[in-house]
PDB file of N, CA and C in Angstrom:
ATOM      1  N   MET A   1       0.809  -0.782   0.350  1.00  0.00           N
ATOM      2  CA  MET A   1      -0.120  -0.238  -0.070  1.00  0.00           C
ATOM      3  C   MET A   1       0.985   1.529  -0.274  1.00  0.00           C
ATOM      4  N   HIS A   2       0.575   2.735  -0.832  1.00  0.00           N
ATOM      5  CA  HIS A   2       0.920   3.795  -0.812  1.00  0.00           C
ATOM      6  C   HIS A   2       0.689   4.681  -0.227  1.00  0.00           C
ATOM      7  N   SER A   3       1.146   5.645   0.536  1.00  0.00           N
ATOM      8  CA  SER A   3       0.444   6.333   1.231  1.00  0.00           C
ATOM      9  C   SER A   3       0.772   7.663   0.995  1.00  0.00           C
ATOM     10  N   THR A   4      -0.105   9.013   1.001  1.00  0.00           N
ATOM     11  CA  THR A   4       0.085  10.186   1.003  1.00  0.00           C
ATOM     12  C   THR A   4       0.029  10.825   2.342  1.00  0.00           C
ATOM     13  N   LEU A   5       0.212  12.356   2.604  1.00  0.00           N
ATOM     14  CA  LEU A   5       0.485  12.979   3.022  1.00  0.00           C
ATOM     15  C   LEU A   5       0.629  14.628   3.193  1.00  0.00           C
ATOM     16  N   ILE A   6      -0.719  14.998   2.981  1.00  0.00           N
ATOM     17  CA  ILE A   6      -0.829  16.507   2.818  1.00  0.00           C
ATOM     18  C   ILE A   6      -1.144  17.078   3.785  1.00  0.00           C
ATOM     19  N   VAL A   7      -0.158  18.625   4.184  1.00  0.00           N
ATOM     20  CA  VAL A   7       0.057  19.585   5.366  1.00  0.00           C
ATOM     21  C   VAL A   7      -0.859  20.776   5.071  1.00  0.00           C
ATOM     22  N   ALA A   8      -1.446  21.361   5.825  1.00  0.00           N
ATOM     23  CA  ALA A   8      -1.960  23.112   5.383  1.00  0.00           C
ATOM     24  C   ALA A   8      -2.444  23.114   6.693  1.00  0.00           C
ATOM     25  N   ARG A   9      -3.347  24.027   6.504  1.00  0.00           N
ATOM     26  CA  ARG A   9      -4.074  25.146   7.768  1.00  0.00           C
ATOM     27  C   ARG A   9      -5.079  24.433   7.221  1.00  0.00           C
ATOM     28  N   MET A  10      -5.553  25.102   8.636  1.00  0.00           N
ATOM     29  CA  MET A  10      -7.398  24.797   8.471  1.00  0.00           C
ATOM     30  C   MET A  10      -7.618  25.107   9.787  1.00  0.00           C
ATOM     31  N   ASP A  11      -8.704  25.968  10.395  1.00  0.00           N
ATOM     32  CA  ASP A  11      -9.270  26.770  11.193  1.00  0.00           C
ATOM     33  C   ASP A  11     -10.348  25.155  11.890  1.00  0.00           C
ATOM     34  N   SER A  12      -9.687  24.211  12.668  1.00  0.00           N
ATOM     35  CA  SER A  12     -10.602  23.788  13.487  1.00  0.00           C
ATOM     36  C   SER A  12     -12.048  22.964  13.403  1.00  0.00           C
ATOM     37  N   GLU A  13     -12.249  24.738  13.422  1.00  0.00           N
ATOM     38  CA  GLU A  13     -14.424  24.521  13.652  1.00  0.00           C
ATOM     39  C   GLU A  13     -14.297  24.383  11.775  1.00  0.00           C
ATOM     40  N   SER A  14     -13.688  24.433  11.053  1.00  0.00           N
ATOM     41  CA  SER A  14     -14.018  24.138   9.956  1.00  0.00           C
ATOM     42  C   SER A  14     -14.043  22.020   9.650  1.00  0.00           C
ATOM     43  N   SER A  15     -13.870  21.545  10.627  1.00  0.00           N
ATOM     44  CA  SER A  15     -13.272  19.895  10.224  1.00  0.00           C
ATOM     45  C   SER A  15     -15.013  19.729   9.724  1.00  0.00           C
ATOM     46  N   ILE A  16     -15.787  20.139  10.192  1.00  0.00           N
ATOM     47  CA  ILE A  16     -17.640  19.412  10.052  1.00  0.00           C
ATOM     48  C   ILE A  16     -17.794  19.649   8.405  1.00  0.00           C
ATOM     49  N   ASP A  17     -17.337  20.898   8.257  1.00  0.00           N
ATOM     50  CA  ASP A  17     -17.802  21.166   6.283  1.00  0.00           C
ATOM     51  C   ASP A  17     -16.921  20.405   5.494  1.00  0.00           C
ATOM     52  N   VAL A  18     -15.722  20.632   6.477  1.00  0.00           N
ATOM     53  CA  VAL A  18     -14.523  19.697   5.096  1.00  0.00           C
ATOM     54  C   VAL A  18     -15.030  18.249   5.210  1.00  0.00           C
ATOM     55  N   SER A  19     -15.407  17.963   6.327  1.00  0.00           N
ATOM     56  CA  SER A  19     -15.806  16.460   6.799  1.00  0.00           C
ATOM     57  C   SER A  19     -16.783  16.232   5.377  1.00  0.00           C
ATOM     58  N   LYS A  20     -18.176  16.612   5.483  1.00  0.00           N
ATOM     59  CA  LYS A  20     -19.184  16.238   4.675  1.00  0.00           C
ATOM     60  C   LYS A  20     -18.999  16.492   2.981  1.00  0.00           C
ATOM     61  N   LEU A  21     -17.889  17.526   2.918  1.00  0.00           N
ATOM     62  CA  LEU A  21     -17.447  17.693   2.078  1.00  0.00           C
ATOM     63  C   LEU A  21     -16.434  16.642   0.679  1.00  0.00           C
ATOM     64  N   PHE A  22     -15.876  15.921   2.113  1.00  0.00           N
ATOM     65  CA  PHE A  22     -15.095  14.841   1.567  1.00  0.00           C
ATOM     66  C   PHE A  22     -15.845  13.108   1.653  1.00  0.00           C
ATOM     67  N   ALA A  23     -16.903  13.546   2.249  1.00  0.00           N
ATOM     68  CA  ALA A  23     -17.852  12.350   2.785  1.00  0.00           C
ATOM     69  C   ALA A  23     -19.177  12.235   1.310  1.00  0.00           C
ATOM     70  N   ASP A  24     -19.816  13.392   0.309  1.00  0.00           N
ATOM     71  CA  ASP A  24     -19.853  13.009  -0.538  1.00  0.00           C
ATOM     72  C   ASP A  24     -18.743  12.764  -1.370  1.00  0.00           C
ATOM     73  N   PHE A  25     -17.258  12.969  -1.296  1.00  0.00           N
ATOM     74  CA  PHE A  25     -17.051  12.923  -2.277  1.00  0.00           C
ATOM     75  C   PHE A  25     -16.683  11.612  -2.409  1.00  0.00           C
ATOM     76  N   ASP A  26     -16.241  10.858  -1.215  1.00  0.00           N
ATOM     77  CA  ASP A  26     -15.892   9.235  -1.153  1.00  0.00           C
ATOM     78  C   ASP A  26     -17.083   8.426  -0.753  1.00  0.00           C
ATOM     79  N   ALA A  27     -18.204   8.946  -1.210  1.00  0.00           N
ATOM     80  CA  ALA A  27     -19.300   8.332  -2.090  1.00  0.00           C
ATOM     81  C   ALA A  27     -19.624   7.886  -3.097  1.00  0.00           C
ATOM     82  N   SER A  28     -19.441   8.572  -4.266  1.00  0.00           N
ATOM     83  CA  SER A  28     -18.908   8.534  -5.245  1.00  0.00           C
ATOM     84  C   SER A  28     -18.151   7.557  -5.500  1.00  0.00           C
ATOM     85  N   GLU A  29     -18.026   7.552  -7.135  1.00  0.00           N
ATOM     86  CA  GLU A  29     -16.953   6.803  -7.922  1.00  0.00           C
ATOM     87  C   GLU A  29     -15.484   6.766  -7.323  1.00  0.00           C
ATOM     88  N   MET A  30     -15.267   8.310  -7.562  1.00  0.00           N
ATOM     89  CA  MET A  30     -14.002   8.952  -7.434  1.00  0.00           C
ATOM     90  C   MET A  30     -13.006   8.424  -6.598  1.00  0.00           C
ATOM     91  N   PRO A  31     -12.839   7.836  -5.796  1.00  0.00           N
ATOM     92  CA  PRO A  31     -11.855   7.280  -5.038  1.00  0.00           C
ATOM     93  C   PRO A  31     -11.486   6.305  -5.208  1.00  0.00           C
ATOM     94  N   HIS A  32     -12.651   5.560  -6.204  1.00  0.00           N
ATOM     95  CA  HIS A  32     -11.689   4.534  -6.582  1.00  0.00           C
ATOM     96  C   HIS A  32     -11.304   4.241  -7.654  1.00  0.00           C
ATOM     97  N   ARG A  33     -11.675   5.704  -8.298  1.00  0.00           N
ATOM     98  CA  ARG A  33     -10.526   5.762 -10.209  1.00  0.00           C
ATOM     99  C   ARG A  33      -9.533   6.415  -9.484  1.00  0.00           C
ATOM    100  N   MET A  34      -9.247   7.001  -8.481  1.00  0.00           N
ATOM    101  CA  MET A  34      -7.690   7.681  -8.202  1.00  0.00           C
ATOM    102  C   MET A  34      -7.814   5.901  -7.235  1.00  0.00           C
ATOM    103  N   GLY A  35      -7.712   4.799  -7.001  1.00  0.00           N
ATOM    104  CA  GLY A  35      -7.078   3.566  -5.992  1.00  0.00           C
ATOM    105  C   GLY A  35      -7.045   4.179  -4.452  1.00  0.00           C
ATOM    106  N   THR A  36      -7.985   5.026  -3.988  1.00  0.00           N
ATOM    107  CA  THR A  36      -7.561   5.421  -2.703  1.00  0.00           C
ATOM    108  C   THR A  36      -8.409   4.590  -2.298  1.00  0.00           C
ATOM    109  N   ARG A  37      -7.361   3.530  -1.081  1.00  0.00           N
ATOM    110  CA  ARG A  37      -7.840   3.020  -0.212  1.00  0.00           C
ATOM    111  C   ARG A  37      -8.693   3.050   0.555  1.00  0.00           C
ATOM    112  N   ARG A  38      -8.086   3.946   1.460  1.00  0.00           N
ATOM    113  CA  ARG A  38      -8.386   5.000   2.978  1.00  0.00           C
ATOM    114  C   ARG A  38      -8.029   6.022   2.906  1.00  0.00           C
ATOM    115  N   ARG A  39      -9.081   6.997   3.084  1.00  0.00           N
ATOM    116  CA  ARG A  39      -8.824   8.611   4.171  1.00  0.00           C
ATOM    117  C   ARG A  39      -8.818   9.066   4.658  1.00  0.00           C
ATOM    118  N   GLN A  40      -7.973   9.783   5.462  1.00  0.00           N
ATOM    119  CA  GLN A  40      -8.281   9.634   7.180  1.00  0.00           C
ATOM    120  C   GLN A  40      -7.782  11.768   6.903  1.00  0.00           C
ATOM    121  N   LEU A  41      -8.885  12.333   7.912  1.00  0.00           N
ATOM    122  CA  LEU A  41      -8.604  14.187   7.496  1.00  0.00           C
ATOM    123  C   LEU A  41      -8.154  13.865   9.877  1.00  0.00           C
ATOM    124  N   PHE A  42      -7.297  14.364   9.751  1.00  0.00           N
ATOM    125  CA  PHE A  42      -6.819  15.149  10.693  1.00  0.00           C
ATOM    126  C   PHE A  42      -6.429  16.707  11.361  1.00  0.00           C
ATOM    127  N   ALA A  43      -6.730  17.231  12.159  1.00  0.00           N
ATOM    128  CA  ALA A  43      -6.561  18.582  12.423  1.00  0.00           C
ATOM    129  C   ALA A  43      -6.107  19.051  14.043  1.00  0.00           C
ATOM    130  N   TYR A  44      -4.653  19.832  14.054  1.00  0.00           N
ATOM    131  CA  TYR A  44      -4.021  19.651  15.026  1.00  0.00           C
ATOM    132  C   TYR A  44      -3.718  21.546  14.791  1.00  0.00           C
ATOM    133  N   ARG A  45      -3.901  22.184  15.975  1.00  0.00           N
ATOM    134  CA  ARG A  45      -3.391  23.256  16.333  1.00  0.00           C
ATOM    135  C   ARG A  45      -3.863  24.626  15.059  1.00  0.00           C
ATOM    136  N   GLY A  46      -4.613  24.382  14.290  1.00  0.00           N
ATOM    137  CA  GLY A  46      -4.741  25.686  13.573  1.00  0.00           C
ATOM    138  C   GLY A  46      -3.759  24.205  11.695  1.00  0.00           C
ATOM    139  N   LEU A  47      -3.735  22.913  11.791  1.00  0.00           N
ATOM    140  CA  LEU A  47      -2.885  22.513  10.874  1.00  0.00           C
ATOM    141  C   LEU A  47      -4.412  21.188  10.596  1.00  0.00           C
ATOM    142  N   TYR A  48      -4.120  20.729   9.558  1.00  0.00           N
ATOM    143  CA  TYR A  48      -4.753  20.212   8.861  1.00  0.00           C
ATOM    144  C   TYR A  48      -3.965  19.028   8.030  1.00  0.00           C
ATOM    145  N   PHE A  49      -3.609  18.026   8.172  1.00  0.00           N
ATOM    146  CA  PHE A  49      -3.219  16.447   7.897  1.00  0.00           C
ATOM    147  C   PHE A  49      -4.854  15.941   6.964  1.00  0.00           C
ATOM    148  N   HIS A  50      -3.734  15.410   5.870  1.00  0.00           N
ATOM    149  CA  HIS A  50      -4.761  14.273   4.873  1.00  0.00           C
ATOM    150  C   HIS A  50      -3.882  13.406   4.740  1.00  0.00           C
ATOM    151  N   LEU A  51      -3.832  12.816   5.284  1.00  0.00           N
ATOM    152  CA  LEU A  51      -3.358  10.917   4.606  1.00  0.00           C
ATOM    153  C   LEU A  51      -4.520  10.184   4.015  1.00  0.00           C
ATOM    154  N   GLN A  52      -4.117   9.912   2.706  1.00  0.00           N
ATOM    155  CA  GLN A  52      -4.669   9.126   1.597  1.00  0.00           C
ATOM    156  C   GLN A  52      -3.548   7.924   1.572  1.00  0.00           C
ATOM    157  N   ASP A  53      -4.345   6.776   1.265  1.00  0.00           N
ATOM    158  CA  ASP A  53      -3.601   5.121   0.855  1.00  0.00           C
ATOM    159  C   ASP A  53      -4.486   4.574  -0.625  1.00  0.00           C
ATOM    160  N   PHE A  54      -2.677   4.593  -0.931  1.00  0.00           N
ATOM    161  CA  PHE A  54      -3.274   3.576  -2.106  1.00  0.00           C
ATOM    162  C   PHE A  54      -3.652   2.541  -2.009  1.00  0.00           C
ATOM    163  N   ASP A  55      -4.302   1.848  -2.881  1.00  0.00           N
ATOM    164  CA  ASP A  55      -4.147   0.401  -3.604  1.00  0.00           C
ATOM    165  C   ASP A  55      -1.887  -0.065  -4.409  1.00  0.00           C
ATOM    166  N   SER A  56      -2.382   0.660  -5.255  1.00  0.00           N
ATOM    167  CA  SER A  56      -0.452   0.880  -5.153  1.00  0.00           C
ATOM    168  C   SER A  56      -0.192   2.074  -5.061  1.00  0.00           C
ATOM    169  N   ASP A  57       1.913   2.400  -5.899  1.00  0.00           N
ATOM    170  CA  ASP A  57       2.087   2.826  -5.763  1.00  0.00           C
ATOM    171  C   ASP A  57       1.986   4.609  -6.644  1.00  0.00           C
ATOM    172  N   ASN A  58       0.800   3.883  -7.994  1.00  0.00           N
ATOM    173  CA  ASN A  58       0.682   4.884  -8.513  1.00  0.00           C
ATOM    174  C   ASN A  58      -0.817   5.865  -8.207  1.00  0.00           C
ATOM    175  N   GLY A  59      -0.672   6.084  -7.374  1.00  0.00           N
ATOM    176  CA  GLY A  59      -1.458   7.010  -6.948  1.00  0.00           C
ATOM    177  C   GLY A  59      -2.090   8.190  -7.165  1.00  0.00           C
ATOM    178  N   GLY A  60      -0.742   8.678  -7.282  1.00  0.00           N
ATOM    179  CA  GLY A  60      -0.485  10.046  -8.219  1.00  0.00           C
ATOM    180  C   GLY A  60      -1.174   9.960  -9.179  1.00  0.00           C
ATOM    181  N   GLU A  61      -0.493   9.174  -9.933  1.00  0.00           N
ATOM    182  CA  GLU A  61      -0.647   9.069 -11.745  1.00  0.00           C
ATOM    183  C   GLU A  61      -1.934   9.012 -11.833  1.00  0.00           C
ATOM    184  N   LEU A  62      -3.206   8.762 -10.850  1.00  0.00           N
ATOM    185  CA  LEU A  62      -4.572   8.060 -11.066  1.00  0.00           C
ATOM    186  C   LEU A  62      -5.130   9.621 -10.264  1.00  0.00           C
ATOM    187  N   ILE A  63      -3.960   9.783  -9.408  1.00  0.00           N
ATOM    188  CA  ILE A  63      -4.884  11.792  -9.108  1.00  0.00           C
ATOM    189  C   ILE A  63      -4.605  12.694 -10.429  1.00  0.00           C
ATOM    190  N   GLU A  64      -3.453  12.689 -11.257  1.00  0.00           N
ATOM    191  CA  GLU A  64      -3.022  13.399 -11.933  1.00  0.00           C
ATOM    192  C   GLU A  64      -3.755  12.969 -13.177  1.00  0.00           C
ATOM    193  N   GLN A  65      -4.876  11.790 -13.309  1.00  0.00           N
ATOM    194  CA  GLN A  65      -5.361  11.607 -14.684  1.00  0.00           C
ATOM    195  C   GLN A  65      -6.829  12.472 -14.445  1.00  0.00           C
ATOM    196  N   ALA A  66      -7.027  12.678 -12.811  1.00  0.00           N
ATOM    197  CA  ALA A  66      -8.651  12.360 -12.342  1.00  0.00           C
ATOM    198  C   ALA A  66      -8.941  14.212 -12.065  1.00  0.00           C
ATOM    199  N   LYS A  67      -7.824  14.532 -12.225  1.00  0.00           N
ATOM    200  CA  LYS A  67      -7.355  16.216 -11.737  1.00  0.00           C
ATOM    201  C   LYS A  67      -8.820  17.011 -12.996  1.00  0.00           C
ATOM    202  N   THR A  68      -8.995  16.462 -13.815  1.00  0.00           N
ATOM    203  CA  THR A  68      -9.711  17.492 -15.009  1.00  0.00           C
ATOM    204  C   THR A  68     -11.653  16.507 -14.351  1.00  0.00           C
ATOM    205  N   ASP A  69     -11.546  15.996 -14.151  1.00  0.00           N
ATOM    206  CA  ASP A  69     -13.202  15.794 -13.125  1.00  0.00           C
ATOM    207  C   ASP A  69     -13.838  16.455 -12.854  1.00  0.00           C
ATOM    208  N   PRO A  70     -14.913  17.185 -13.297  1.00  0.00           N
ATOM    209  CA  PRO A  70     -16.001  18.225 -12.946  1.00  0.00           C
ATOM    210  C   PRO A  70     -15.798  17.459 -11.057  1.00  0.00           C
ATOM    211  N   ARG A  71     -15.611  16.710 -10.818  1.00  0.00           N
ATOM    212  CA  ARG A  71     -16.454  16.513  -9.009  1.00  0.00           C
ATOM    213  C   ARG A  71     -14.713  16.589  -8.898  1.00  0.00           C
ATOM    214  N   PHE A  72     -13.277  16.763  -9.505  1.00  0.00           N
ATOM    215  CA  PHE A  72     -12.504  16.752  -8.545  1.00  0.00           C
ATOM    216  C   PHE A  72     -12.158  18.296  -8.593  1.00  0.00           C
ATOM    217  N   VAL A  73     -12.310  18.820  -9.960  1.00  0.00           N
ATOM    218  CA  VAL A  73     -12.318  20.117  -9.429  1.00  0.00           C
ATOM    219  C   VAL A  73     -13.821  21.094  -8.304  1.00  0.00           C
ATOM    220  N   ARG A  74     -14.637  20.484  -8.486  1.00  0.00           N
ATOM    221  CA  ARG A  74     -15.682  20.457  -7.416  1.00  0.00           C
ATOM    222  C   ARG A  74     -14.940  20.558  -5.946  1.00  0.00           C
ATOM    223  N   ILE A  75     -14.946  19.549  -5.514  1.00  0.00           N
ATOM    224  CA  ILE A  75     -14.306  19.456  -4.417  1.00  0.00           C
ATOM    225  C   ILE A  75     -12.943  20.269  -4.277  1.00  0.00           C
ATOM    226  N   SER A  76     -12.020  20.181  -4.983  1.00  0.00           N
ATOM    227  CA  SER A  76     -10.818  21.452  -4.695  1.00  0.00           C
ATOM    228  C   SER A  76     -11.583  23.231  -4.505  1.00  0.00           C
ATOM    229  N   ASP A  77     -12.016  23.646  -5.249  1.00  0.00           N
ATOM    230  CA  ASP A  77     -12.628  24.445  -5.679  1.00  0.00           C
ATOM    231  C   ASP A  77     -13.662  24.350  -4.318  1.00  0.00           C
ATOM    232  N   ASP A  78     -14.532  23.411  -3.743  1.00  0.00           N
ATOM    233  CA  ASP A  78     -15.402  23.730  -2.536  1.00  0.00           C
ATOM    234  C   ASP A  78     -14.238  23.861  -1.587  1.00  0.00           C
ATOM    235  N   LEU A  79     -13.282  23.071  -1.285  1.00  0.00           N
ATOM    236  CA  LEU A  79     -12.837  23.308  -0.127  1.00  0.00           C
ATOM    237  C   LEU A  79     -11.348  24.693   0.215  1.00  0.00           C
ATOM    238  N   LYS A  80     -11.459  25.145  -0.883  1.00  0.00           N
ATOM    239  CA  LYS A  80     -10.664  26.957  -0.907  1.00  0.00           C
ATOM    240  C   LYS A  80     -11.179  27.135   0.313  1.00  0.00           C
ATOM    241  N   PRO A  81     -12.449  27.192   0.539  1.00  0.00           N
ATOM    242  CA  PRO A  81     -12.435  28.332   1.952  1.00  0.00           C
ATOM    243  C   PRO A  81     -12.025  27.763   3.093  1.00  0.00           C
ATOM    244  N   PHE A  82     -11.998  26.705   3.128  1.00  0.00           N
ATOM    245  CA  PHE A  82     -11.795  25.995   4.600  1.00  0.00           C
ATOM    246  C   PHE A  82     -10.060  25.314   4.739  1.00  0.00           C
ATOM    247  N   ILE A  83      -9.591  25.377   3.742  1.00  0.00           N
ATOM    248  CA  ILE A  83      -7.980  24.764   3.857  1.00  0.00           C
ATOM    249  C   ILE A  83      -7.234  25.974   2.847  1.00  0.00           C
ATOM    250  N   GLN A  84      -6.245  26.004   3.763  1.00  0.00           N
ATOM    251  CA  GLN A  84      -5.129  27.223   3.448  1.00  0.00           C
ATOM    252  C   GLN A  84      -3.885  26.425   2.969  1.00  0.00           C
ATOM    253  N   ALA A  85      -2.958  27.160   1.947  1.00  0.00           N
ATOM    254  CA  ALA A  85      -1.913  26.159   1.635  1.00  0.00           C
ATOM    255  C   ALA A  85      -0.806  26.561   3.429  1.00  0.00           C
ATOM    256  N   TYR A  86       0.127  25.387   3.611  1.00  0.00           N
ATOM    257  CA  TYR A  86       1.559  26.064   4.345  1.00  0.00           C
ATOM    258  C   TYR A  86       2.056  27.062   4.628  1.00  0.00           C
ATOM    259  N   ASP A  87       2.209  27.028   3.001  1.00  0.00           N
ATOM    260  CA  ASP A  87       3.039  28.073   2.653  1.00  0.00           C
ATOM    261  C   ASP A  87       2.966  28.356   1.141  1.00  0.00           C
ATOM    262  N   PRO A  88       2.159  30.081   1.260  1.00  0.00           N
ATOM    263  CA  PRO A  88       2.003  30.227  -0.267  1.00  0.00           C
ATOM    264  C   PRO A  88       2.356  30.524  -0.934  1.00  0.00           C
ATOM    265  N   ALA A  89       3.438  30.628  -0.318  1.00  0.00           N
ATOM    266  CA  ALA A  89       4.080  31.139  -1.508  1.00  0.00           C
ATOM    267  C   ALA A  89       5.402  30.361  -2.196  1.00  0.00           C
ATOM    268  N   THR A  90       5.156  28.993  -2.001  1.00  0.00           N
ATOM    269  CA  THR A  90       5.884  27.916  -2.721  1.00  0.00           C
ATOM    270  C   THR A  90       4.615  27.013  -2.663  1.00  0.00           C
ATOM    271  N   TRP A  91       3.553  27.364  -2.647  1.00  0.00           N
ATOM    272  CA  TRP A  91       2.366  26.396  -3.199  1.00  0.00           C
ATOM    273  C   TRP A  91       1.848  26.339  -4.536  1.00  0.00           C
ATOM    274  N   ARG A  92       1.844  25.463  -5.291  1.00  0.00           N
ATOM    275  CA  ARG A  92       1.421  25.436  -7.134  1.00  0.00           C
ATOM    276  C   ARG A  92       1.001  24.373  -7.238  1.00  0.00           C
ATOM    277  N   SER A  93       0.618  23.446  -5.732  1.00  0.00           N
ATOM    278  CA  SER A  93      -0.160  21.791  -6.162  1.00  0.00           C
ATOM    279  C   SER A  93       0.009  21.365  -4.377  1.00  0.00           C
ATOM    280  N   PRO A  94      -1.208  20.206  -4.665  1.00  0.00           N
ATOM    281  CA  PRO A  94      -0.835  19.140  -4.003  1.00  0.00           C
ATOM    282  C   PRO A  94       0.557  18.553  -3.161  1.00  0.00           C
ATOM    283  N   ALA A  95       1.449  18.372  -4.274  1.00  0.00           N
ATOM    284  CA  ALA A  95       2.582  18.162  -3.997  1.00  0.00           C
ATOM    285  C   ALA A  95       3.522  18.913  -3.912  1.00  0.00           C
ATOM    286  N   ASP A  96       3.277  19.882  -3.878  1.00  0.00           N
ATOM    287  CA  ASP A  96       3.969  21.263  -2.363  1.00  0.00           C
ATOM    288  C   ASP A  96       3.886  21.177  -0.908  1.00  0.00           C
ATOM    289  N   ALA A  97       2.623  20.692  -1.180  1.00  0.00           N
ATOM    290  CA  ALA A  97       2.487  20.456   0.108  1.00  0.00           C
ATOM    291  C   ALA A  97       2.477  18.680   1.012  1.00  0.00           C
ATOM    292  N   MET A  98       3.425  17.751   0.122  1.00  0.00           N
ATOM    293  CA  MET A  98       2.977  16.579   0.769  1.00  0.00           C
ATOM    294  C   MET A  98       4.522  16.590   1.216  1.00  0.00           C
ATOM    295  N   ALA A  99       4.093  15.656   2.352  1.00  0.00           N
ATOM    296  CA  ALA A  99       4.908  15.556   3.592  1.00  0.00           C
ATOM    297  C   ALA A  99       6.366  14.235   2.564  1.00  0.00           C
ATOM    298  N   ASN A 100       7.075  14.294   2.817  1.00  0.00           N
ATOM    299  CA  ASN A 100       8.301  13.007   2.829  1.00  0.00           C
ATOM    300  C   ASN A 100       8.236  12.432   4.369  1.00  0.00           C
ATOM    301  N   ARG A 101       7.864  11.232   3.751  1.00  0.00           N
ATOM    302  CA  ARG A 101       8.448   9.785   4.273  1.00  0.00           C
ATOM    303  C   ARG A 101       9.660   9.775   5.156  1.00  0.00           C
ATOM    304  N   PHE A 102       9.995   9.662   5.960  1.00  0.00           N
ATOM    305  CA  PHE A 102      11.634   9.918   6.298  1.00  0.00           C
ATOM    306  C   PHE A 102      11.597   8.142   7.107  1.00  0.00           C
ATOM    307  N   TYR A 103      11.263   7.578   7.185  1.00  0.00           N
ATOM    308  CA  TYR A 103      11.161   5.947   8.109  1.00  0.00           C
ATOM    309  C   TYR A 103       9.511   5.139   8.153  1.00  0.00           C
ATOM    310  N   HIS A 104       9.310   3.998   8.432  1.00  0.00           N
ATOM    311  CA  HIS A 104       8.835   2.896   8.289  1.00  0.00           C
ATOM    312  C   HIS A 104       8.963   1.930   8.849  1.00  0.00           C
ATOM    313  N   TRP A 105       7.952   1.880   9.726  1.00  0.00           N
ATOM    314  CA  TRP A 105       8.275   0.562  10.410  1.00  0.00           C
ATOM    315  C   TRP A 105       7.147  -0.405  10.242  1.00  0.00           C
ATOM    316  N   GLU A 106       6.919  -1.465   9.462  1.00  0.00           N
ATOM    317  CA  GLU A 106       5.410  -2.342   9.867  1.00  0.00           C
ATOM    318  C   GLU A 106       5.829  -3.805  10.788  1.00  0.00           C
ATOM    319  N   ALA A 107       4.865  -4.521  11.150  1.00  0.00           N
ATOM    320  CA  ALA A 107       4.935  -5.306  11.684  1.00  0.00           C
ATOM    321  C   ALA A 107       5.124  -6.366  10.924  1.00  0.00           C
ATOM    322  N   SER A 108       5.515  -8.262  11.172  1.00  0.00           N
ATOM    323  CA  SER A 108       5.995  -8.789   9.937  1.00  0.00           C
ATOM    324  C   SER A 108       4.419  -9.369  10.188  1.00  0.00           C
ATOM    325  N   ALA A 109       4.126 -10.743   9.199  1.00  0.00           N
ATOM    326  CA  ALA A 109       3.055 -11.085   8.935  1.00  0.00           C
ATOM    327  C   ALA A 109       3.311 -12.320  10.372  1.00  0.00           C
TER     328      ALA A 109
END
């Protein structure tokens, strides 16, 4: 499984609105189209963490392909009032907000 973690800024009071937007989005076939297996959203002291797990390492490629889908465009626009770039000066795409994993451990079967 491949995971990505997006870090941004969000007022914690927005979590209900953001949850509703993603609940509607995830109820569609869009997560399947992007290969999303699981999505988890976290808030901590004005920060927003979006952990997304994919079936395979090509999740980024599938998201790139989905970016032009009207549903993807709509949720991106709908999230703008709630989610702000962590560093607006350097943000151009979600890739600019993705954390880099530097350690991983997994229990053996």
